[in-house]
Amino acid sequence: MNIHKNARLTPLRREEMALSVIEGRLSQADAARTYGVSAKIVARWVERYKAEGSKGMIDRSSRPARMPQATATSIAERIVALRRQRWTGSHIAMEVGVSPATVSRVLKRAGLSRL
C-alpha cells in the first residue's frame, strides 16, 4: 500500500492509537495531541477498530459505492448511436436534452470522444 508522505497515521499507528484509547492508557484528547490529529479522527479510528479489528485500519477507496445520479443507460445508448451517425457533441446534447459535459463523459467512456 502507498502511504502518503505527509500522512499523520499509518495503519500500524492507527491501531496503536486505537488500542491505547480502548485500553485506557490515553483519553481521546490525549491521543489526539500525541498523534497530531483531531479528537474526531481518534474517535473514528477507535470505532472502526472496535467494529473491524486490525483489518479496519487500512485505507479505503474514496470512490462511491453507487451513483444515484448516473446517466441512464437508454440515454447513453442514444448518445452513442447519434455519435456513430457522426453528430457533434453539442448537437447530441441539444437532441437528447443533457449537458455537453454529460455527452463528453459518455462518449469518452464509449471510446468515441473524437470524430
PDB file of N, CA and C in Angstrom:
ATOM      1  N   MET A   1       0.842  -1.172   0.000  1.00  0.00           N
ATOM      2  CA  MET A   1       0.000   0.000   0.000  1.00  0.00           C
ATOM      3  C   MET A   1       0.887   1.235   0.000  1.00  0.00           C
ATOM      4  N   ASN A   2       0.463   2.252  -0.740  1.00  0.00           N
ATOM      5  CA  ASN A   2       1.185   3.517  -0.759  1.00  0.00           C
ATOM      6  C   ASN A   2       0.720   4.389   0.391  1.00  0.00           C
ATOM      7  N   ILE A   3       1.651   4.818   1.212  1.00  0.00           N
ATOM      8  CA  ILE A   3       1.345   5.744   2.296  1.00  0.00           C
ATOM      9  C   ILE A   3       1.766   7.127   1.828  1.00  0.00           C
ATOM     10  N   HIS A   4       0.873   8.082   1.943  1.00  0.00           N
ATOM     11  CA  HIS A   4       1.179   9.460   1.558  1.00  0.00           C
ATOM     12  C   HIS A   4       2.333   9.957   2.418  1.00  0.00           C
ATOM     13  N   LYS A   5       3.281  10.658   1.826  1.00  0.00           N
ATOM     14  CA  LYS A   5       4.479  11.061   2.566  1.00  0.00           C
ATOM     15  C   LYS A   5       4.174  11.995   3.733  1.00  0.00           C
ATOM     16  N   ASN A   6       3.038  12.700   3.683  1.00  0.00           N
ATOM     17  CA  ASN A   6       2.666  13.592   4.783  1.00  0.00           C
ATOM     18  C   ASN A   6       1.566  13.020   5.667  1.00  0.00           C
ATOM     19  N   ALA A   7       1.302  11.735   5.530  1.00  0.00           N
ATOM     20  CA  ALA A   7       0.232  11.111   6.313  1.00  0.00           C
ATOM     21  C   ALA A   7       0.586  11.132   7.792  1.00  0.00           C
ATOM     22  N   ARG A   8      -0.365  11.524   8.606  1.00  0.00           N
ATOM     23  CA  ARG A   8      -0.147  11.554  10.058  1.00  0.00           C
ATOM     24  C   ARG A   8      -0.083  10.144  10.626  1.00  0.00           C
ATOM     25  N   LEU A   9      -0.948   9.275  10.126  1.00  0.00           N
ATOM     26  CA  LEU A   9      -1.054   7.936  10.698  1.00  0.00           C
ATOM     27  C   LEU A   9      -0.968   6.855   9.631  1.00  0.00           C
ATOM     28  N   THR A  10      -0.127   5.883   9.889  1.00  0.00           N
ATOM     29  CA  THR A  10      -0.081   4.687   9.065  1.00  0.00           C
ATOM     30  C   THR A  10      -1.038   3.675   9.700  1.00  0.00           C
ATOM     31  N   PRO A  11      -1.386   2.607   9.019  1.00  0.00           N
ATOM     32  CA  PRO A  11      -2.279   1.618   9.635  1.00  0.00           C
ATOM     33  C   PRO A  11      -1.761   1.096  10.984  1.00  0.00           C
ATOM     34  N   LEU A  12      -0.464   0.918  11.106  1.00  0.00           N
ATOM     35  CA  LEU A  12       0.111   0.440  12.367  1.00  0.00           C
ATOM     36  C   LEU A  12      -0.071   1.469  13.483  1.00  0.00           C
ATOM     37  N   ARG A  13       0.159   2.748  13.172  1.00  0.00           N
ATOM     38  CA  ARG A  13      -0.003   3.811  14.173  1.00  0.00           C
ATOM     39  C   ARG A  13      -1.486   4.002  14.521  1.00  0.00           C
ATOM     40  N   ARG A  14      -2.384   3.803  13.558  1.00  0.00           N
ATOM     41  CA  ARG A  14      -3.819   3.903  13.837  1.00  0.00           C
ATOM     42  C   ARG A  14      -4.231   2.848  14.851  1.00  0.00           C
ATOM     43  N   GLU A  15      -3.733   1.631  14.623  1.00  0.00           N
ATOM     44  CA  GLU A  15      -4.054   0.536  15.538  1.00  0.00           C
ATOM     45  C   GLU A  15      -3.480   0.812  16.922  1.00  0.00           C
ATOM     46  N   GLU A  16      -2.261   1.284  16.963  1.00  0.00           N
ATOM     47  CA  GLU A  16      -1.609   1.624  18.230  1.00  0.00           C
ATOM     48  C   GLU A  16      -2.420   2.686  18.980  1.00  0.00           C
ATOM     49  N   MET A  17      -2.870   3.708  18.255  1.00  0.00           N
ATOM     50  CA  MET A  17      -3.650   4.781  18.843  1.00  0.00           C
ATOM     51  C   MET A  17      -4.990   4.256  19.364  1.00  0.00           C
ATOM     52  N   ALA A  18      -5.674   3.469  18.550  1.00  0.00           N
ATOM     53  CA  ALA A  18      -6.971   2.933  18.947  1.00  0.00           C
ATOM     54  C   ALA A  18      -6.848   2.052  20.189  1.00  0.00           C
ATOM     55  N   LEU A  19      -5.846   1.214  20.208  1.00  0.00           N
ATOM     56  CA  LEU A  19      -5.644   0.338  21.371  1.00  0.00           C
ATOM     57  C   LEU A  19      -5.315   1.128  22.625  1.00  0.00           C
ATOM     58  N   SER A  20      -4.535   2.193  22.497  1.00  0.00           N
ATOM     59  CA  SER A  20      -4.194   2.993  23.672  1.00  0.00           C
ATOM     60  C   SER A  20      -5.437   3.655  24.263  1.00  0.00           C
ATOM     61  N   VAL A  21      -6.389   4.029  23.425  1.00  0.00           N
ATOM     62  CA  VAL A  21      -7.637   4.624  23.918  1.00  0.00           C
ATOM     63  C   VAL A  21      -8.542   3.543  24.497  1.00  0.00           C
ATOM     64  N   ILE A  22      -8.672   2.426  23.802  1.00  0.00           N
ATOM     65  CA  ILE A  22      -9.548   1.339  24.254  1.00  0.00           C
ATOM     66  C   ILE A  22      -9.067   0.764  25.582  1.00  0.00           C
ATOM     67  N   GLU A  23      -7.760   0.587  25.711  1.00  0.00           N
ATOM     68  CA  GLU A  23      -7.201   0.015  26.930  1.00  0.00           C
ATOM     69  C   GLU A  23      -7.126   1.024  28.076  1.00  0.00           C
ATOM     70  N   GLY A  24      -7.411   2.274  27.795  1.00  0.00           N
ATOM     71  CA  GLY A  24      -7.451   3.290  28.846  1.00  0.00           C
ATOM     72  C   GLY A  24      -6.132   3.956  29.165  1.00  0.00           C
ATOM     73  N   ARG A  25      -5.111   3.720  28.361  1.00  0.00           N
ATOM     74  CA  ARG A  25      -3.822   4.375  28.609  1.00  0.00           C
ATOM     75  C   ARG A  25      -3.874   5.855  28.279  1.00  0.00           C
ATOM     76  N   LEU A  26      -4.685   6.217  27.276  1.00  0.00           N
ATOM     77  CA  LEU A  26      -4.833   7.610  26.870  1.00  0.00           C
ATOM     78  C   LEU A  26      -6.311   7.937  26.695  1.00  0.00           C
ATOM     79  N   SER A  27      -6.668   9.189  26.994  1.00  0.00           N
ATOM     80  CA  SER A  27      -8.022   9.638  26.654  1.00  0.00           C
ATOM     81  C   SER A  27      -8.011  10.009  25.176  1.00  0.00           C
ATOM     82  N   GLN A  28      -9.192  10.244  24.613  1.00  0.00           N
ATOM     83  CA  GLN A  28      -9.238  10.631  23.204  1.00  0.00           C
ATOM     84  C   GLN A  28      -8.508  11.951  22.982  1.00  0.00           C
ATOM     85  N   ALA A  29      -8.657  12.882  23.895  1.00  0.00           N
ATOM     86  CA  ALA A  29      -7.988  14.179  23.752  1.00  0.00           C
ATOM     87  C   ALA A  29      -6.468  14.027  23.833  1.00  0.00           C
ATOM     88  N   ASP A  30      -6.000  13.195  24.775  1.00  0.00           N
ATOM     89  CA  ASP A  30      -4.558  12.971  24.892  1.00  0.00           C
ATOM     90  C   ASP A  30      -4.003  12.265  23.656  1.00  0.00           C
ATOM     91  N   ALA A  31      -4.747  11.293  23.159  1.00  0.00           N
ATOM     92  CA  ALA A  31      -4.314  10.575  21.952  1.00  0.00           C
ATOM     93  C   ALA A  31      -4.261  11.525  20.767  1.00  0.00           C
ATOM     94  N   ALA A  32      -5.239  12.432  20.678  1.00  0.00           N
ATOM     95  CA  ALA A  32      -5.254  13.396  19.584  1.00  0.00           C
ATOM     96  C   ALA A  32      -4.008  14.269  19.626  1.00  0.00           C
ATOM     97  N   ARG A  33      -3.661  14.749  20.807  1.00  0.00           N
ATOM     98  CA  ARG A  33      -2.442  15.572  20.938  1.00  0.00           C
ATOM     99  C   ARG A  33      -1.189  14.760  20.641  1.00  0.00           C
ATOM    100  N   THR A  34      -1.118  13.556  21.146  1.00  0.00           N
ATOM    101  CA  THR A  34       0.071  12.712  20.968  1.00  0.00           C
ATOM    102  C   THR A  34       0.308  12.367  19.504  1.00  0.00           C
ATOM    103  N   TYR A  35      -0.759  12.033  18.806  1.00  0.00           N
ATOM    104  CA  TYR A  35      -0.623  11.581  17.420  1.00  0.00           C
ATOM    105  C   TYR A  35      -0.809  12.690  16.390  1.00  0.00           C
ATOM    106  N   GLY A  36      -1.087  13.897  16.845  1.00  0.00           N
ATOM    107  CA  GLY A  36      -1.172  15.040  15.938  1.00  0.00           C
ATOM    108  C   GLY A  36      -2.394  15.058  15.046  1.00  0.00           C
ATOM    109  N   VAL A  37      -3.523  14.560  15.561  1.00  0.00           N
ATOM    110  CA  VAL A  37      -4.776  14.575  14.811  1.00  0.00           C
ATOM    111  C   VAL A  37      -5.870  15.141  15.704  1.00  0.00           C
ATOM    112  N   SER A  38      -7.071  15.295  15.167  1.00  0.00           N
ATOM    113  CA  SER A  38      -8.177  15.815  15.969  1.00  0.00           C
ATOM    114  C   SER A  38      -8.830  14.692  16.769  1.00  0.00           C
ATOM    115  N   ALA A  39      -9.581  15.082  17.784  1.00  0.00           N
ATOM    116  CA  ALA A  39     -10.284  14.096  18.609  1.00  0.00           C
ATOM    117  C   ALA A  39     -11.319  13.333  17.776  1.00  0.00           C
ATOM    118  N   LYS A  40     -11.887  14.001  16.780  1.00  0.00           N
ATOM    119  CA  LYS A  40     -12.866  13.357  15.905  1.00  0.00           C
ATOM    120  C   LYS A  40     -12.212  12.211  15.121  1.00  0.00           C
ATOM    121  N   ILE A  41     -10.988  12.424  14.670  1.00  0.00           N
ATOM    122  CA  ILE A  41     -10.258  11.383  13.942  1.00  0.00           C
ATOM    123  C   ILE A  41      -9.953  10.209  14.869  1.00  0.00           C
ATOM    124  N   VAL A  42      -9.567  10.519  16.101  1.00  0.00           N
ATOM    125  CA  VAL A  42      -9.290   9.461  17.079  1.00  0.00           C
ATOM    126  C   VAL A  42     -10.551   8.624  17.280  1.00  0.00           C
ATOM    127  N   ALA A  43     -11.678   9.291  17.471  1.00  0.00           N
ATOM    128  CA  ALA A  43     -12.948   8.575  17.687  1.00  0.00           C
ATOM    129  C   ALA A  43     -13.289   7.691  16.487  1.00  0.00           C
ATOM    130  N   ARG A  44     -13.041   8.197  15.278  1.00  0.00           N
ATOM    131  CA  ARG A  44     -13.335   7.422  14.068  1.00  0.00           C
ATOM    132  C   ARG A  44     -12.519   6.132  14.039  1.00  0.00           C
ATOM    133  N   TRP A  45     -11.221   6.238  14.306  1.00  0.00           N
ATOM    134  CA  TRP A  45     -10.370   5.057  14.240  1.00  0.00           C
ATOM    135  C   TRP A  45     -10.661   4.087  15.382  1.00  0.00           C
ATOM    136  N   VAL A  46     -11.017   4.598  16.552  1.00  0.00           N
ATOM    137  CA  VAL A  46     -11.365   3.724  17.676  1.00  0.00           C
ATOM    138  C   VAL A  46     -12.631   2.933  17.334  1.00  0.00           C
ATOM    139  N   GLU A  47     -13.643   3.616  16.801  1.00  0.00           N
ATOM    140  CA  GLU A  47     -14.884   2.926  16.435  1.00  0.00           C
ATOM    141  C   GLU A  47     -14.642   1.892  15.339  1.00  0.00           C
ATOM    142  N   ARG A  48     -13.825   2.234  14.375  1.00  0.00           N
ATOM    143  CA  ARG A  48     -13.545   1.283  13.294  1.00  0.00           C
ATOM    144  C   ARG A  48     -12.772   0.084  13.823  1.00  0.00           C
ATOM    145  N   TYR A  49     -11.859   0.323  14.777  1.00  0.00           N
ATOM    146  CA  TYR A  49     -11.107  -0.797  15.360  1.00  0.00           C
ATOM    147  C   TYR A  49     -12.052  -1.710  16.142  1.00  0.00           C
ATOM    148  N   LYS A  50     -12.979  -1.117  16.884  1.00  0.00           N
ATOM    149  CA  LYS A  50     -13.939  -1.918  17.643  1.00  0.00           C
ATOM    150  C   LYS A  50     -14.811  -2.751  16.706  1.00  0.00           C
ATOM    151  N   ALA A  51     -15.182  -2.189  15.577  1.00  0.00           N
ATOM    152  CA  ALA A  51     -16.069  -2.878  14.636  1.00  0.00           C
ATOM    153  C   ALA A  51     -15.355  -3.928  13.794  1.00  0.00           C
ATOM    154  N   GLU A  52     -14.121  -3.619  13.346  1.00  0.00           N
ATOM    155  CA  GLU A  52     -13.466  -4.484  12.359  1.00  0.00           C
ATOM    156  C   GLU A  52     -12.122  -5.048  12.791  1.00  0.00           C
ATOM    157  N   GLY A  53     -11.582  -4.582  13.892  1.00  0.00           N
ATOM    158  CA  GLY A  53     -10.280  -5.053  14.340  1.00  0.00           C
ATOM    159  C   GLY A  53      -9.152  -4.481  13.499  1.00  0.00           C
ATOM    160  N   SER A  54      -8.050  -5.186  13.412  1.00  0.00           N
ATOM    161  CA  SER A  54      -6.863  -4.718  12.690  1.00  0.00           C
ATOM    162  C   SER A  54      -7.133  -4.484  11.208  1.00  0.00           C
ATOM    163  N   LYS A  55      -8.037  -5.269  10.635  1.00  0.00           N
ATOM    164  CA  LYS A  55      -8.319  -5.121   9.206  1.00  0.00           C
ATOM    165  C   LYS A  55      -8.998  -3.798   8.881  1.00  0.00           C
ATOM    166  N   GLY A  56      -9.638  -3.182   9.861  1.00  0.00           N
ATOM    167  CA  GLY A  56     -10.308  -1.915   9.644  1.00  0.00           C
ATOM    168  C   GLY A  56      -9.373  -0.727   9.602  1.00  0.00           C
ATOM    169  N   MET A  57      -8.100  -0.936   9.889  1.00  0.00           N
ATOM    170  CA  MET A  57      -7.144   0.167   9.955  1.00  0.00           C
ATOM    171  C   MET A  57      -6.540   0.540   8.610  1.00  0.00           C
ATOM    172  N   ILE A  58      -6.760  -0.272   7.587  1.00  0.00           N
ATOM    173  CA  ILE A  58      -6.187   0.041   6.274  1.00  0.00           C
ATOM    174  C   ILE A  58      -7.021   1.105   5.573  1.00  0.00           C
ATOM    175  N   ASP A  59      -6.412   1.795   4.627  1.00  0.00           N
ATOM    176  CA  ASP A  59      -7.100   2.840   3.872  1.00  0.00           C
ATOM    177  C   ASP A  59      -8.184   2.224   3.001  1.00  0.00           C
ATOM    178  N   ARG A  60      -9.246   2.982   2.810  1.00  0.00           N
ATOM    179  CA  ARG A  60     -10.328   2.549   1.948  1.00  0.00           C
ATOM    180  C   ARG A  60     -10.399   3.458   0.740  1.00  0.00           C
ATOM    181  N   SER A  61     -10.993   2.963  -0.305  1.00  0.00           N
ATOM    182  CA  SER A  61     -11.182   3.761  -1.501  1.00  0.00           C
ATOM    183  C   SER A  61     -12.207   4.851  -1.225  1.00  0.00           C
ATOM    184  N   SER A  62     -11.990   6.014  -1.800  1.00  0.00           N
ATOM    185  CA  SER A  62     -12.957   7.098  -1.639  1.00  0.00           C
ATOM    186  C   SER A  62     -13.992   7.096  -2.764  1.00  0.00           C
ATOM    187  N   ARG A  63     -13.876   6.135  -3.659  1.00  0.00           N
ATOM    188  CA  ARG A  63     -14.824   6.031  -4.764  1.00  0.00           C
ATOM    189  C   ARG A  63     -16.202   5.650  -4.226  1.00  0.00           C
ATOM    190  N   PRO A  64     -17.251   6.316  -4.677  1.00  0.00           N
ATOM    191  CA  PRO A  64     -18.578   5.983  -4.163  1.00  0.00           C
ATOM    192  C   PRO A  64     -19.007   4.577  -4.565  1.00  0.00           C
ATOM    193  N   ALA A  65     -19.745   3.927  -3.704  1.00  0.00           N
ATOM    194  CA  ALA A  65     -20.214   2.567  -3.980  1.00  0.00           C
ATOM    195  C   ALA A  65     -21.279   2.563  -5.063  1.00  0.00           C
ATOM    196  N   ARG A  66     -22.087   3.619  -5.113  1.00  0.00           N
ATOM    197  CA  ARG A  66     -23.096   3.728  -6.152  1.00  0.00           C
ATOM    198  C   ARG A  66     -23.286   5.194  -6.499  1.00  0.00           C
ATOM    199  N   MET A  67     -23.852   5.438  -7.671  1.00  0.00           N
ATOM    200  CA  MET A  67     -24.059   6.809  -8.135  1.00  0.00           C
ATOM    201  C   MET A  67     -25.519   6.977  -8.522  1.00  0.00           C
ATOM    202  N   PRO A  68     -26.339   7.512  -7.629  1.00  0.00           N
ATOM    203  CA  PRO A  68     -27.762   7.635  -7.936  1.00  0.00           C
ATOM    204  C   PRO A  68     -28.061   8.607  -9.076  1.00  0.00           C
ATOM    205  N   GLN A  69     -27.150   9.511  -9.379  1.00  0.00           N
ATOM    206  CA  GLN A  69     -27.371  10.488 -10.443  1.00  0.00           C
ATOM    207  C   GLN A  69     -26.714  10.084 -11.764  1.00  0.00           C
ATOM    208  N   ALA A  70     -26.336   8.831 -11.896  1.00  0.00           N
ATOM    209  CA  ALA A  70     -25.661   8.372 -13.110  1.00  0.00           C
ATOM    210  C   ALA A  70     -26.583   8.510 -14.324  1.00  0.00           C
ATOM    211  N   THR A  71     -25.983   8.731 -15.487  1.00  0.00           N
ATOM    212  CA  THR A  71     -26.746   8.856 -16.726  1.00  0.00           C
ATOM    213  C   THR A  71     -27.424   7.524 -17.043  1.00  0.00           C
ATOM    214  N   ALA A  72     -28.691   7.588 -17.350  1.00  0.00           N
ATOM    215  CA  ALA A  72     -29.462   6.370 -17.646  1.00  0.00           C
ATOM    216  C   ALA A  72     -28.871   5.643 -18.858  1.00  0.00           C
ATOM    217  N   THR A  73     -28.963   4.331 -18.845  1.00  0.00           N
ATOM    218  CA  THR A  73     -28.415   3.512 -19.924  1.00  0.00           C
ATOM    219  C   THR A  73     -29.055   3.852 -21.263  1.00  0.00           C
ATOM    220  N   SER A  74     -30.348   4.097 -21.254  1.00  0.00           N
ATOM    221  CA  SER A  74     -31.037   4.409 -22.511  1.00  0.00           C
ATOM    222  C   SER A  74     -30.513   5.724 -23.113  1.00  0.00           C
ATOM    223  N   ILE A  75     -30.243   6.703 -22.267  1.00  0.00           N
ATOM    224  CA  ILE A  75     -29.709   7.979 -22.751  1.00  0.00           C
ATOM    225  C   ILE A  75     -28.295   7.786 -23.287  1.00  0.00           C
ATOM    226  N   ALA A  76     -27.476   7.016 -22.555  1.00  0.00           N
ATOM    227  CA  ALA A  76     -26.105   6.765 -23.006  1.00  0.00           C
ATOM    228  C   ALA A  76     -26.099   6.049 -24.356  1.00  0.00           C
ATOM    229  N   GLU A  77     -26.989   5.087 -24.523  1.00  0.00           N
ATOM    230  CA  GLU A  77     -27.071   4.366 -25.802  1.00  0.00           C
ATOM    231  C   GLU A  77     -27.504   5.302 -26.936  1.00  0.00           C
ATOM    232  N   ARG A  78     -28.419   6.195 -26.645  1.00  0.00           N
ATOM    233  CA  ARG A  78     -28.875   7.176 -27.650  1.00  0.00           C
ATOM    234  C   ARG A  78     -27.728   8.098 -28.043  1.00  0.00           C
ATOM    235  N   ILE A  79     -26.943   8.541 -27.051  1.00  0.00           N
ATOM    236  CA  ILE A  79     -25.790   9.413 -27.319  1.00  0.00           C
ATOM    237  C   ILE A  79     -24.790   8.700 -28.223  1.00  0.00           C
ATOM    238  N   VAL A  80     -24.489   7.451 -27.908  1.00  0.00           N
ATOM    239  CA  VAL A  80     -23.531   6.673 -28.703  1.00  0.00           C
ATOM    240  C   VAL A  80     -24.063   6.460 -30.120  1.00  0.00           C
ATOM    241  N   ALA A  81     -25.366   6.171 -30.241  1.00  0.00           N
ATOM    242  CA  ALA A  81     -25.959   5.954 -31.570  1.00  0.00           C
ATOM    243  C   ALA A  81     -25.865   7.214 -32.425  1.00  0.00           C
ATOM    244  N   LEU A  82     -26.126   8.365 -31.824  1.00  0.00           N
ATOM    245  CA  LEU A  82     -26.026   9.614 -32.583  1.00  0.00           C
ATOM    246  C   LEU A  82     -24.587   9.912 -32.973  1.00  0.00           C
ATOM    247  N   ARG A  83     -23.651   9.582 -32.110  1.00  0.00           N
ATOM    248  CA  ARG A  83     -22.235   9.819 -32.430  1.00  0.00           C
ATOM    249  C   ARG A  83     -21.812   8.931 -33.599  1.00  0.00           C
ATOM    250  N   ARG A  84     -22.315   7.717 -33.623  1.00  0.00           N
ATOM    251  CA  ARG A  84     -21.975   6.810 -34.727  1.00  0.00           C
ATOM    252  C   ARG A  84     -22.543   7.318 -36.057  1.00  0.00           C
ATOM    253  N   GLN A  85     -23.527   8.204 -35.974  1.00  0.00           N
ATOM    254  CA  GLN A  85     -24.055   8.865 -37.169  1.00  0.00           C
ATOM    255  C   GLN A  85     -23.278  10.156 -37.460  1.00  0.00           C
ATOM    256  N   ARG A  86     -22.182  10.360 -36.725  1.00  0.00           N
ATOM    257  CA  ARG A  86     -21.247  11.476 -36.896  1.00  0.00           C
ATOM    258  C   ARG A  86     -21.816  12.824 -36.456  1.00  0.00           C
ATOM    259  N   TRP A  87     -22.687  12.815 -35.459  1.00  0.00           N
ATOM    260  CA  TRP A  87     -23.193  14.052 -34.883  1.00  0.00           C
ATOM    261  C   TRP A  87     -22.131  14.638 -33.969  1.00  0.00           C
ATOM    262  N   THR A  88     -22.112  15.947 -33.842  1.00  0.00           N
ATOM    263  CA  THR A  88     -21.171  16.594 -32.919  1.00  0.00           C
ATOM    264  C   THR A  88     -21.744  16.547 -31.504  1.00  0.00           C
ATOM    265  N   GLY A  89     -20.868  16.751 -30.537  1.00  0.00           N
ATOM    266  CA  GLY A  89     -21.283  16.693 -29.139  1.00  0.00           C
ATOM    267  C   GLY A  89     -22.359  17.696 -28.778  1.00  0.00           C
ATOM    268  N   SER A  90     -22.225  18.923 -29.272  1.00  0.00           N
ATOM    269  CA  SER A  90     -23.223  19.947 -28.927  1.00  0.00           C
ATOM    270  C   SER A  90     -24.583  19.641 -29.549  1.00  0.00           C
ATOM    271  N   HIS A  91     -24.583  19.099 -30.762  1.00  0.00           N
ATOM    272  CA  HIS A  91     -25.846  18.729 -31.396  1.00  0.00           C
ATOM    273  C   HIS A  91     -26.499  17.550 -30.668  1.00  0.00           C
ATOM    274  N   ILE A  92     -25.679  16.607 -30.236  1.00  0.00           N
ATOM    275  CA  ILE A  92     -26.201  15.465 -29.473  1.00  0.00           C
ATOM    276  C   ILE A  92     -26.829  15.961 -28.173  1.00  0.00           C
ATOM    277  N   ALA A  93     -26.141  16.894 -27.494  1.00  0.00           N
ATOM    278  CA  ALA A  93     -26.641  17.423 -26.226  1.00  0.00           C
ATOM    279  C   ALA A  93     -28.005  18.081 -26.409  1.00  0.00           C
ATOM    280  N   MET A  94     -28.155  18.868 -27.463  1.00  0.00           N
ATOM    281  CA  MET A  94     -29.448  19.525 -27.720  1.00  0.00           C
ATOM    282  C   MET A  94     -30.530  18.505 -28.046  1.00  0.00           C
ATOM    283  N   GLU A  95     -30.188  17.495 -28.841  1.00  0.00           N
ATOM    284  CA  GLU A  95     -31.160  16.482 -29.256  1.00  0.00           C
ATOM    285  C   GLU A  95     -31.632  15.632 -28.075  1.00  0.00           C
ATOM    286  N   VAL A  96     -30.687  15.202 -27.242  1.00  0.00           N
ATOM    287  CA  VAL A  96     -31.010  14.283 -26.153  1.00  0.00           C
ATOM    288  C   VAL A  96     -31.531  15.032 -24.926  1.00  0.00           C
ATOM    289  N   GLY A  97     -31.122  16.291 -24.757  1.00  0.00           N
ATOM    290  CA  GLY A  97     -31.583  17.075 -23.615  1.00  0.00           C
ATOM    291  C   GLY A  97     -30.713  16.936 -22.378  1.00  0.00           C
ATOM    292  N   VAL A  98     -29.413  16.707 -22.605  1.00  0.00           N
ATOM    293  CA  VAL A  98     -28.456  16.662 -21.493  1.00  0.00           C
ATOM    294  C   VAL A  98     -27.379  17.708 -21.755  1.00  0.00           C
ATOM    295  N   SER A  99     -26.514  17.918 -20.773  1.00  0.00           N
ATOM    296  CA  SER A  99     -25.466  18.922 -20.938  1.00  0.00           C
ATOM    297  C   SER A  99     -24.357  18.395 -21.855  1.00  0.00           C
ATOM    298  N   PRO A 100     -23.612  19.299 -22.486  1.00  0.00           N
ATOM    299  CA  PRO A 100     -22.478  18.867 -23.309  1.00  0.00           C
ATOM    300  C   PRO A 100     -21.426  18.100 -22.507  1.00  0.00           C
ATOM    301  N   ALA A 101     -21.279  18.435 -21.226  1.00  0.00           N
ATOM    302  CA  ALA A 101     -20.318  17.716 -20.380  1.00  0.00           C
ATOM    303  C   ALA A 101     -20.735  16.259 -20.209  1.00  0.00           C
ATOM    304  N   THR A 102     -22.027  16.014 -20.061  1.00  0.00           N
ATOM    305  CA  THR A 102     -22.529  14.643 -19.942  1.00  0.00           C
ATOM    306  C   THR A 102     -22.272  13.871 -21.226  1.00  0.00           C
ATOM    307  N   VAL A 103     -22.530  14.516 -22.363  1.00  0.00           N
ATOM    308  CA  VAL A 103     -22.271  13.879 -23.658  1.00  0.00           C
ATOM    309  C   VAL A 103     -20.792  13.532 -23.766  1.00  0.00           C
ATOM    310  N   SER A 104     -19.934  14.456 -23.373  1.00  0.00           N
ATOM    311  CA  SER A 104     -18.496  14.232 -23.439  1.00  0.00           C
ATOM    312  C   SER A 104     -18.076  13.030 -22.586  1.00  0.00           C
ATOM    313  N   ARG A 105     -18.612  12.946 -21.349  1.00  0.00           N
ATOM    314  CA  ARG A 105     -18.262  11.823 -20.465  1.00  0.00           C
ATOM    315  C   ARG A 105     -18.713  10.493 -21.049  1.00  0.00           C
ATOM    316  N   VAL A 106     -19.935  10.454 -21.571  1.00  0.00           N
ATOM    317  CA  VAL A 106     -20.465   9.206 -22.145  1.00  0.00           C
ATOM    318  C   VAL A 106     -19.644   8.787 -23.351  1.00  0.00           C
ATOM    319  N   LEU A 107     -19.310   9.746 -24.210  1.00  0.00           N
ATOM    320  CA  LEU A 107     -18.537   9.418 -25.412  1.00  0.00           C
ATOM    321  C   LEU A 107     -17.122   8.960 -25.060  1.00  0.00           C
ATOM    322  N   LYS A 108     -16.534   9.588 -24.067  1.00  0.00           N
ATOM    323  CA  LYS A 108     -15.189   9.179 -23.660  1.00  0.00           C
ATOM    324  C   LYS A 108     -15.207   7.749 -23.129  1.00  0.00           C
ATOM    325  N   ARG A 109     -16.233   7.447 -22.294  1.00  0.00           N
ATOM    326  CA  ARG A 109     -16.358   6.094 -21.758  1.00  0.00           C
ATOM    327  C   ARG A 109     -16.545   5.062 -22.853  1.00  0.00           C
ATOM    328  N   ALA A 110     -17.244   5.455 -23.936  1.00  0.00           N
ATOM    329  CA  ALA A 110     -17.509   4.541 -25.054  1.00  0.00           C
ATOM    330  C   ALA A 110     -16.354   4.508 -26.054  1.00  0.00           C
ATOM    331  N   GLY A 111     -15.345   5.372 -25.855  1.00  0.00           N
ATOM    332  CA  GLY A 111     -14.207   5.407 -26.764  1.00  0.00           C
ATOM    333  C   GLY A 111     -14.512   6.144 -28.063  1.00  0.00           C
ATOM    334  N   LEU A 112     -15.502   7.017 -28.027  1.00  0.00           N
ATOM    335  CA  LEU A 112     -15.913   7.747 -29.222  1.00  0.00           C
ATOM    336  C   LEU A 112     -15.755   9.253 -29.063  1.00  0.00           C
ATOM    337  N   SER A 113     -14.845   9.680 -28.221  1.00  0.00           N
ATOM    338  CA  SER A 113     -14.754  11.110 -27.920  1.00  0.00           C
ATOM    339  C   SER A 113     -14.245  11.929 -29.097  1.00  0.00           C
ATOM    340  N   ARG A 114     -13.559  11.304 -29.994  1.00  0.00           N
ATOM    341  CA  ARG A 114     -13.077  12.048 -31.192  1.00  0.00           C
ATOM    342  C   ARG A 114     -13.827  11.574 -32.420  1.00  0.00           C
ATOM    343  N   LEU A 115     -14.253  12.552 -33.241  1.00  0.00           N
ATOM    344  CA  LEU A 115     -14.882  12.192 -34.511  1.00  0.00           C
ATOM    345  C   LEU A 115     -13.822  11.605 -35.382  1.00  0.00           C
TER     346      LEU A 115
END
